[in-house]
Amino acid sequence: MTFLERKKAEIVENLYAYFSEQLDQNPRAILEQVDRELQSLYVRYGNDWTGRGVVGDSTQEATIAGLEAVRAECLDRIRAQESEVRV
């Protein structure tokens, strides 16, 4: 595993761990927060006129991947909560 691969894995793990406790309490609020952050990150990713370089791009890609994983988990938990309410 290369340095960049280890760094990406670390970022994704840390982001998921950071939000994991909060996901149990309020997945809707976390979803809103993550959606706003992802919007910003996608804009910044497209605005690379100063040149982040390989490490900067990898870091941003890993951050986006980590937040997308958290977003997916939020959606799963919200669906689960909604199906519990219907039953």
N, C-alpha and C. Protein backbone atom coordinates (compact mmCIF):
# COMPACT_ATOMS: atom_id res chain seq x y z
N MET A 1 0.86 -1.18 0.00
CA MET A 1 0.00 0.00 0.00
C MET A 1 0.90 1.24 0.00
N THR A 2 0.63 2.15 -0.89
CA THR A 2 1.44 3.36 -0.99
C THR A 2 1.04 4.37 0.08
N PHE A 3 1.86 5.40 0.19
CA PHE A 3 1.57 6.47 1.15
C PHE A 3 0.19 7.08 0.89
N LEU A 4 -0.10 7.38 -0.37
CA LEU A 4 -1.38 8.02 -0.70
C LEU A 4 -2.55 7.09 -0.41
N GLU A 5 -2.41 5.81 -0.68
CA GLU A 5 -3.48 4.87 -0.38
C GLU A 5 -3.72 4.77 1.12
N ARG A 6 -2.64 4.75 1.91
CA ARG A 6 -2.79 4.71 3.37
C ARG A 6 -3.46 5.98 3.87
N LYS A 7 -3.05 7.11 3.32
CA LYS A 7 -3.62 8.39 3.74
C LYS A 7 -5.11 8.45 3.41
N LYS A 8 -5.48 8.01 2.21
CA LYS A 8 -6.89 8.00 1.82
C LYS A 8 -7.70 7.12 2.76
N ALA A 9 -7.21 5.91 3.04
CA ALA A 9 -7.92 5.00 3.93
C ALA A 9 -8.07 5.60 5.32
N GLU A 10 -7.03 6.26 5.79
CA GLU A 10 -7.07 6.90 7.11
C GLU A 10 -8.12 8.00 7.16
N ILE A 11 -8.19 8.82 6.14
CA ILE A 11 -9.16 9.91 6.09
C ILE A 11 -10.58 9.37 6.08
N VAL A 12 -10.84 8.37 5.25
CA VAL A 12 -12.18 7.79 5.16
C VAL A 12 -12.58 7.18 6.50
N GLU A 13 -11.67 6.41 7.11
CA GLU A 13 -11.96 5.80 8.42
C GLU A 13 -12.24 6.85 9.48
N ASN A 14 -11.41 7.88 9.53
CA ASN A 14 -11.56 8.92 10.55
C ASN A 14 -12.86 9.70 10.39
N LEU A 15 -13.24 9.99 9.16
CA LEU A 15 -14.50 10.71 8.94
C LEU A 15 -15.69 9.86 9.38
N TYR A 16 -15.66 8.59 9.01
CA TYR A 16 -16.76 7.71 9.39
C TYR A 16 -16.82 7.56 10.91
N ALA A 17 -15.68 7.41 11.53
CA ALA A 17 -15.64 7.27 13.00
C ALA A 17 -16.14 8.55 13.67
N TYR A 18 -15.78 9.70 13.13
CA TYR A 18 -16.21 10.97 13.71
C TYR A 18 -17.73 11.09 13.73
N PHE A 19 -18.36 10.69 12.65
CA PHE A 19 -19.81 10.84 12.54
C PHE A 19 -20.59 9.65 13.10
N SER A 20 -19.95 8.53 13.38
CA SER A 20 -20.68 7.31 13.73
C SER A 20 -21.54 7.48 14.98
N GLU A 21 -21.04 8.11 16.02
CA GLU A 21 -21.84 8.30 17.22
C GLU A 21 -23.03 9.22 16.96
N GLN A 22 -22.78 10.25 16.19
CA GLN A 22 -23.82 11.22 15.90
C GLN A 22 -24.91 10.63 15.01
N LEU A 23 -24.55 9.63 14.20
CA LEU A 23 -25.53 9.00 13.31
C LEU A 23 -26.65 8.35 14.10
N ASP A 24 -26.34 7.78 15.24
CA ASP A 24 -27.36 7.15 16.07
C ASP A 24 -28.36 8.15 16.61
N GLN A 25 -27.87 9.35 16.91
CA GLN A 25 -28.71 10.34 17.55
C GLN A 25 -29.61 11.09 16.58
N ASN A 26 -29.05 11.55 15.47
CA ASN A 26 -29.85 12.36 14.55
C ASN A 26 -29.31 12.26 13.12
N PRO A 27 -29.66 11.20 12.41
CA PRO A 27 -29.14 11.04 11.05
C PRO A 27 -29.58 12.14 10.08
N ARG A 28 -30.75 12.72 10.32
CA ARG A 28 -31.22 13.79 9.42
C ARG A 28 -30.33 15.04 9.52
N ALA A 29 -29.96 15.40 10.72
CA ALA A 29 -29.09 16.57 10.91
C ALA A 29 -27.71 16.32 10.31
N ILE A 30 -27.21 15.10 10.49
CA ILE A 30 -25.91 14.76 9.92
C ILE A 30 -25.98 14.78 8.41
N LEU A 31 -27.08 14.28 7.86
CA LEU A 31 -27.26 14.29 6.40
C LEU A 31 -27.21 15.72 5.86
N GLU A 32 -27.90 16.63 6.52
CA GLU A 32 -27.88 18.03 6.08
C GLU A 32 -26.47 18.61 6.13
N GLN A 33 -25.76 18.34 7.22
CA GLN A 33 -24.40 18.84 7.39
C GLN A 33 -23.47 18.27 6.32
N VAL A 34 -23.57 16.97 6.10
CA VAL A 34 -22.71 16.30 5.12
C VAL A 34 -23.03 16.78 3.71
N ASP A 35 -24.31 16.96 3.39
CA ASP A 35 -24.68 17.45 2.06
C ASP A 35 -24.09 18.83 1.79
N ARG A 36 -24.14 19.71 2.78
CA ARG A 36 -23.56 21.05 2.60
C ARG A 36 -22.05 20.97 2.38
N GLU A 37 -21.40 20.14 3.16
CA GLU A 37 -19.95 20.00 3.03
C GLU A 37 -19.57 19.39 1.68
N LEU A 38 -20.34 18.40 1.23
CA LEU A 38 -20.06 17.79 -0.07
C LEU A 38 -20.24 18.79 -1.21
N GLN A 39 -21.27 19.62 -1.13
CA GLN A 39 -21.46 20.65 -2.16
C GLN A 39 -20.23 21.53 -2.25
N SER A 40 -19.74 21.96 -1.11
CA SER A 40 -18.56 22.81 -1.07
C SER A 40 -17.33 22.08 -1.62
N LEU A 41 -17.15 20.83 -1.22
CA LEU A 41 -15.98 20.07 -1.68
C LEU A 41 -16.01 19.83 -3.19
N TYR A 42 -17.19 19.54 -3.73
CA TYR A 42 -17.27 19.34 -5.18
C TYR A 42 -16.96 20.63 -5.94
N VAL A 43 -17.40 21.75 -5.42
CA VAL A 43 -17.06 23.03 -6.05
C VAL A 43 -15.56 23.28 -5.99
N ARG A 44 -14.98 23.08 -4.80
CA ARG A 44 -13.54 23.28 -4.65
C ARG A 44 -12.75 22.31 -5.51
N TYR A 45 -13.23 21.09 -5.65
CA TYR A 45 -12.53 20.11 -6.47
C TYR A 45 -12.48 20.56 -7.93
N GLY A 46 -13.54 21.18 -8.38
CA GLY A 46 -13.59 21.68 -9.75
C GLY A 46 -12.83 22.98 -9.95
N ASN A 47 -12.54 23.69 -8.88
CA ASN A 47 -11.85 24.98 -8.97
C ASN A 47 -10.38 24.84 -8.57
N ASP A 48 -9.65 24.08 -9.32
CA ASP A 48 -8.26 23.82 -8.98
C ASP A 48 -7.30 24.65 -9.84
N TRP A 49 -7.59 25.90 -9.97
CA TRP A 49 -6.74 26.73 -10.83
C TRP A 49 -5.39 27.03 -10.20
N THR A 50 -5.26 26.86 -8.88
CA THR A 50 -3.95 27.09 -8.24
C THR A 50 -3.12 25.83 -8.19
N GLY A 51 -3.73 24.68 -8.40
CA GLY A 51 -3.00 23.42 -8.42
C GLY A 51 -2.72 22.88 -7.04
N ARG A 52 -3.50 21.91 -6.60
CA ARG A 52 -3.32 21.30 -5.29
C ARG A 52 -2.19 20.29 -5.30
N GLY A 53 -1.97 19.67 -6.42
CA GLY A 53 -0.97 18.63 -6.50
C GLY A 53 -1.57 17.27 -6.19
N VAL A 54 -0.75 16.25 -6.30
CA VAL A 54 -1.20 14.87 -6.12
C VAL A 54 -1.71 14.63 -4.70
N VAL A 55 -0.99 15.11 -3.72
CA VAL A 55 -1.40 14.89 -2.32
C VAL A 55 -2.69 15.64 -2.01
N GLY A 56 -2.79 16.87 -2.46
CA GLY A 56 -4.00 17.66 -2.23
C GLY A 56 -5.21 17.05 -2.90
N ASP A 57 -5.05 16.58 -4.14
CA ASP A 57 -6.15 15.93 -4.84
C ASP A 57 -6.57 14.64 -4.13
N SER A 58 -5.60 13.85 -3.72
CA SER A 58 -5.89 12.59 -3.03
C SER A 58 -6.61 12.84 -1.71
N THR A 59 -6.19 13.85 -0.99
CA THR A 59 -6.83 14.19 0.27
C THR A 59 -8.27 14.62 0.04
N GLN A 60 -8.48 15.44 -0.97
CA GLN A 60 -9.84 15.90 -1.24
C GLN A 60 -10.72 14.76 -1.74
N GLU A 61 -10.18 13.89 -2.57
CA GLU A 61 -10.95 12.74 -3.04
C GLU A 61 -11.33 11.81 -1.89
N ALA A 62 -10.40 11.61 -0.97
CA ALA A 62 -10.68 10.75 0.19
C ALA A 62 -11.73 11.38 1.10
N THR A 63 -11.66 12.69 1.26
CA THR A 63 -12.65 13.39 2.08
C THR A 63 -14.03 13.25 1.46
N ILE A 64 -14.12 13.42 0.16
CA ILE A 64 -15.39 13.25 -0.54
C ILE A 64 -15.89 11.82 -0.38
N ALA A 65 -15.00 10.84 -0.55
CA ALA A 65 -15.40 9.43 -0.41
C ALA A 65 -15.90 9.13 1.00
N GLY A 66 -15.20 9.65 1.99
CA GLY A 66 -15.61 9.43 3.38
C GLY A 66 -16.97 10.04 3.68
N LEU A 67 -17.18 11.25 3.20
CA LEU A 67 -18.46 11.91 3.44
C LEU A 67 -19.59 11.25 2.65
N GLU A 68 -19.29 10.74 1.47
CA GLU A 68 -20.31 10.00 0.71
C GLU A 68 -20.70 8.72 1.45
N ALA A 69 -19.74 8.07 2.10
CA ALA A 69 -20.04 6.88 2.89
C ALA A 69 -20.93 7.24 4.08
N VAL A 70 -20.63 8.35 4.73
CA VAL A 70 -21.46 8.80 5.85
C VAL A 70 -22.85 9.16 5.34
N ARG A 71 -22.92 9.80 4.20
CA ARG A 71 -24.21 10.17 3.61
C ARG A 71 -25.05 8.93 3.33
N ALA A 72 -24.43 7.90 2.77
CA ALA A 72 -25.14 6.65 2.48
C ALA A 72 -25.66 6.02 3.77
N GLU A 73 -24.86 6.04 4.81
CA GLU A 73 -25.29 5.49 6.09
C GLU A 73 -26.45 6.29 6.67
N CYS A 74 -26.40 7.60 6.54
CA CYS A 74 -27.51 8.45 7.00
C CYS A 74 -28.80 8.05 6.28
N LEU A 75 -28.73 7.92 4.97
CA LEU A 75 -29.92 7.56 4.20
C LEU A 75 -30.46 6.20 4.61
N ASP A 76 -29.56 5.24 4.84
CA ASP A 76 -29.99 3.91 5.28
C ASP A 76 -30.71 3.99 6.63
N ARG A 77 -30.16 4.75 7.54
CA ARG A 77 -30.77 4.85 8.88
C ARG A 77 -32.10 5.60 8.84
N ILE A 78 -32.19 6.62 8.01
CA ILE A 78 -33.45 7.35 7.88
C ILE A 78 -34.52 6.42 7.30
N ARG A 79 -34.16 5.65 6.28
CA ARG A 79 -35.13 4.69 5.70
C ARG A 79 -35.55 3.66 6.74
N ALA A 80 -34.59 3.18 7.53
CA ALA A 80 -34.91 2.20 8.57
C ALA A 80 -35.86 2.79 9.61
N GLN A 81 -35.60 4.04 10.00
CA GLN A 81 -36.49 4.70 10.96
C GLN A 81 -37.89 4.87 10.39
N GLU A 82 -37.96 5.24 9.12
CA GLU A 82 -39.27 5.44 8.48
C GLU A 82 -40.03 4.13 8.36
N SER A 83 -39.31 3.05 8.09
CA SER A 83 -40.00 1.75 7.97
C SER A 83 -40.45 1.26 9.35
N GLU A 84 -39.72 1.60 10.41
CA GLU A 84 -40.15 1.24 11.77
C GLU A 84 -41.43 1.98 12.14
N VAL A 85 -41.53 3.22 11.72
CA VAL A 85 -42.70 4.03 12.03
C VAL A 85 -43.94 3.45 11.32
N ARG A 86 -43.76 2.96 10.11
CA ARG A 86 -44.89 2.42 9.33
C ARG A 86 -45.41 1.11 9.90
N VAL A 87 -44.53 0.37 10.55
CA VAL A 87 -44.94 -0.97 11.05
C VAL A 87 -45.77 -0.87 12.26
